[in-house]
C-alpha atoms as a PDB file:
ATOM      1  CA  MET A   1     -14.816  68.103  70.542  1.00  0.00           C
ATOM      2  CA  PRO A   2     -12.744  68.231  73.766  1.00  0.00           C
ATOM      3  CA  ILE A   3     -12.514  65.217  76.031  1.00  0.00           C
ATOM      4  CA  PRO A   4     -14.489  65.897  79.215  1.00  0.00           C
ATOM      5  CA  ASP A   5     -12.617  66.086  82.502  1.00  0.00           C
ATOM      6  CA  ILE A   6     -13.333  62.967  84.561  1.00  0.00           C
ATOM      7  CA  PRO A   7     -13.261  64.091  88.197  1.00  0.00           C
ATOM      8  CA  TYR A   8     -13.044  60.626  89.706  1.00  0.00           C
ATOM      9  CA  ASP A   9      -9.997  59.194  87.915  1.00  0.00           C
ATOM     10  CA  HIS A  10      -8.195  57.798  90.947  1.00  0.00           C
ATOM     11  CA  ASP A  11      -7.194  54.486  92.457  1.00  0.00           C
ATOM     12  CA  ILE A  12      -7.339  53.141  95.991  1.00  0.00           C
ATOM     13  CA  ALA A  13      -5.495  50.106  97.327  1.00  0.00           C
ATOM     14  CA  LEU A  14      -5.247  48.176 100.564  1.00  0.00           C
ATOM     15  CA  THR A  15      -1.659  47.172 101.317  1.00  0.00           C
ATOM     16  CA  ARG A  16      -0.674  43.818 102.802  1.00  0.00           C
ATOM     17  CA  ASP A  17      -0.060  45.667 106.047  1.00  0.00           C
ATOM     18  CA  GLY A  18      -3.626  46.981 106.123  1.00  0.00           C
ATOM     19  CA  TYR A  19      -3.068  50.611 105.105  1.00  0.00           C
ATOM     20  CA  VAL A  20      -5.322  52.424 102.647  1.00  0.00           C
ATOM     21  CA  CYS A  21      -3.363  54.181  99.884  1.00  0.00           C
ATOM     22  CA  ALA A  22      -4.649  56.371  97.081  1.00  0.00           C
ATOM     23  CA  TRP A  23      -3.351  58.200  94.017  1.00  0.00           C
ATOM     24  CA  GLY A  24      -4.658  59.963  90.925  1.00  0.00           C
ATOM     25  CA  ASP A  25      -7.036  62.883  90.432  1.00  0.00           C
ATOM     26  CA  ASN A  26      -7.842  64.560  93.725  1.00  0.00           C
ATOM     27  CA  SER A  27      -9.691  67.604  92.336  1.00  0.00           C
ATOM     28  CA  TYR A  28     -12.714  66.925  94.526  1.00  0.00           C
ATOM     29  CA  GLY A  29     -10.893  65.202  97.387  1.00  0.00           C
ATOM     30  CA  ALA A  30     -11.929  61.791  96.097  1.00  0.00           C
ATOM     31  CA  ALA A  31      -8.448  60.252  96.208  1.00  0.00           C
ATOM     32  CA  ARG A  32      -7.279  61.805  99.476  1.00  0.00           C
ATOM     33  CA  PRO A  33      -9.791  63.970 101.335  1.00  0.00           C
ATOM     34  CA  ASP A  34      -6.999  64.861 103.781  1.00  0.00           C
ATOM     35  CA  SER A  35      -4.870  66.459 101.035  1.00  0.00           C
ATOM     36  CA  ALA A  36      -5.228  69.691  99.070  1.00  0.00           C
ATOM     37  CA  GLN A  37      -3.144  68.311  96.182  1.00  0.00           C
ATOM     38  CA  ARG A  38      -5.004  68.316  92.845  1.00  0.00           C
ATOM     39  CA  ILE A  39      -3.052  65.267  91.656  1.00  0.00           C
ATOM     40  CA  VAL A  40      -1.597  62.602  93.936  1.00  0.00           C
ATOM     41  CA  PRO A  41       1.110  61.236  91.589  1.00  0.00           C
ATOM     42  CA  ALA A  42       2.021  58.033  93.445  1.00  0.00           C
ATOM     43  CA  PRO A  43       0.422  55.815  96.079  1.00  0.00           C
ATOM     44  CA  ALA A  44       0.289  57.718  99.352  1.00  0.00           C
ATOM     45  CA  PRO A  45      -1.331  56.815 102.664  1.00  0.00           C
ATOM     46  CA  VAL A  46      -4.812  58.139 103.339  1.00  0.00           C
ATOM     47  CA  MET A  47      -4.648  59.916 106.674  1.00  0.00           C
ATOM     48  CA  LEU A  48      -7.101  60.041 109.563  1.00  0.00           C
ATOM     49  CA  ASP A  49      -8.715  63.317 110.630  1.00  0.00           C
ATOM     50  CA  ASP A  50      -5.675  64.279 112.719  1.00  0.00           C
ATOM     51  CA  GLY A  51      -3.622  64.492 109.482  1.00  0.00           C
ATOM     52  CA  ARG A  52      -0.751  62.522 111.034  1.00  0.00           C
ATOM     53  CA  THR A  53      -2.043  58.969 111.433  1.00  0.00           C
ATOM     54  CA  PRO A  54      -2.403  56.754 108.349  1.00  0.00           C
ATOM     55  CA  LEU A  55      -5.713  54.945 107.939  1.00  0.00           C
ATOM     56  CA  LYS A  56      -5.053  51.316 108.833  1.00  0.00           C
ATOM     57  CA  LEU A  57      -7.735  48.657 108.566  1.00  0.00           C
ATOM     58  CA  MET A  58      -5.741  45.620 109.724  1.00  0.00           C
ATOM     59  CA  GLY A  59      -2.734  44.876 111.920  1.00  0.00           C
ATOM     60  CA  ASN A  60       0.486  43.113 110.975  1.00  0.00           C
ATOM     61  CA  TRP A  61       2.422  41.609 113.873  1.00  0.00           C
ATOM     62  CA  ASN A  62       5.759  39.824 113.732  1.00  0.00           C
ATOM     63  CA  ALA A  63       6.716  36.666 115.683  1.00  0.00           C
ATOM     64  CA  ASP A  64       7.696  38.762 118.733  1.00  0.00           C
ATOM     65  CA  GLY A  65       4.193  40.221 118.934  1.00  0.00           C
ATOM     66  CA  LYS A  66       5.395  43.667 117.828  1.00  0.00           C
ATOM     67  CA  GLU A  67       3.528  45.458 115.114  1.00  0.00           C
ATOM     68  CA  GLU A  68       5.470  45.953 111.875  1.00  0.00           C
ATOM     69  CA  SER A  69       4.324  47.799 108.812  1.00  0.00           C
ATOM     70  CA  ILE A  70       5.357  49.564 105.652  1.00  0.00           C
ATOM     71  CA  ILE A  71       3.042  52.243 104.338  1.00  0.00           C
ATOM     72  CA  CYS A  72       2.478  52.349 100.581  1.00  0.00           C
ATOM     73  CA  GLY A  73       5.718  50.702  99.566  1.00  0.00           C
ATOM     74  CA  GLY A  74       7.861  52.380 102.176  1.00  0.00           C
ATOM     75  CA  GLU A  75       6.520  55.935 102.162  1.00  0.00           C
ATOM     76  CA  GLN A  76       6.115  57.140 105.739  1.00  0.00           C
END
Protein backbone atom coordinates (compact mmCIF):
# COMPACT_ATOMS: atom_id res chain seq x y z
CA MET A 1 0.00 0.00 0.00
CA PRO A 2 1.50 3.39 -0.98
CA ILE A 3 2.14 6.04 1.62
CA PRO A 4 -0.37 8.87 1.17
CA ASP A 5 0.91 12.29 0.18
CA ILE A 6 0.70 14.65 3.15
CA PRO A 7 -0.02 18.09 1.69
CA TYR A 8 0.83 20.06 4.81
CA ASP A 9 4.36 18.83 5.57
CA HIS A 10 6.00 22.20 6.14
CA ASP A 11 7.56 24.23 8.90
CA ILE A 12 7.25 27.88 9.88
CA ALA A 13 9.58 29.80 12.18
CA LEU A 14 9.84 33.27 13.65
CA THR A 15 13.42 34.55 13.60
CA ARG A 16 14.98 36.56 16.41
CA ASP A 17 14.65 39.58 14.16
CA GLY A 18 10.90 39.08 13.82
CA TYR A 19 10.68 37.66 10.29
CA VAL A 20 8.42 34.75 9.38
CA CYS A 21 10.26 32.02 7.46
CA ALA A 22 8.88 28.82 5.97
CA TRP A 23 10.11 25.71 4.18
CA GLY A 24 8.86 22.28 3.13
CA ASP A 25 5.93 21.15 1.00
CA ASN A 26 4.27 24.08 -0.72
CA SER A 27 1.95 22.10 -3.02
CA TYR A 28 -1.09 24.01 -1.80
CA GLY A 29 0.67 27.26 -0.90
CA ALA A 30 0.70 26.33 2.77
CA ALA A 31 4.40 27.03 3.33
CA ARG A 32 4.68 30.17 1.21
CA PRO A 33 1.47 31.44 -0.40
CA ASP A 34 3.58 34.04 -2.23
CA SER A 35 5.62 31.36 -4.05
CA ALA A 36 4.75 28.96 -6.86
CA GLN A 37 7.50 26.53 -5.80
CA ARG A 38 6.19 23.03 -4.98
CA ILE A 39 8.98 22.48 -2.45
CA VAL A 40 10.71 25.24 -0.50
CA PRO A 41 13.98 23.41 0.34
CA ALA A 42 15.38 25.77 2.99
CA PRO A 43 14.02 28.48 5.28
CA ALA A 44 12.96 31.43 3.16
CA PRO A 45 11.16 34.63 4.12
CA VAL A 46 7.40 34.74 3.70
CA MET A 47 6.65 37.80 1.62
CA LEU A 48 3.85 40.36 1.85
CA ASP A 49 1.35 40.80 -0.98
CA ASP A 50 3.73 43.07 -2.90
CA GLY A 51 6.10 40.08 -3.32
CA ARG A 52 9.12 42.19 -2.34
CA THR A 53 8.70 42.91 1.37
CA PRO A 54 9.34 40.12 3.90
CA LEU A 55 6.67 39.59 6.54
CA LYS A 56 8.07 41.02 9.76
CA LEU A 57 6.20 40.81 13.05
CA MET A 58 8.69 42.57 15.32
CA GLY A 59 11.45 45.17 15.03
CA ASN A 60 15.11 44.83 15.98
CA TRP A 61 16.92 48.10 16.63
CA ASN A 62 20.58 48.57 17.48
CA ALA A 63 22.00 51.02 20.07
CA ASP A 64 21.99 53.85 17.50
CA GLY A 65 18.24 53.47 16.99
CA LYS A 66 18.70 52.06 13.48
CA GLU A 67 16.85 48.94 12.52
CA GLU A 68 19.05 45.90 11.86
CA SER A 69 17.93 42.51 10.69
CA ILE A 70 18.94 39.28 9.04
CA ILE A 71 16.24 37.38 7.20
CA CYS A 72 16.21 33.60 7.62
CA GLY A 73 19.86 33.18 8.45
CA GLY A 74 21.13 35.77 6.02
CA GLU A 75 18.97 35.13 2.96
CA GLN A 76 17.78 38.45 1.56
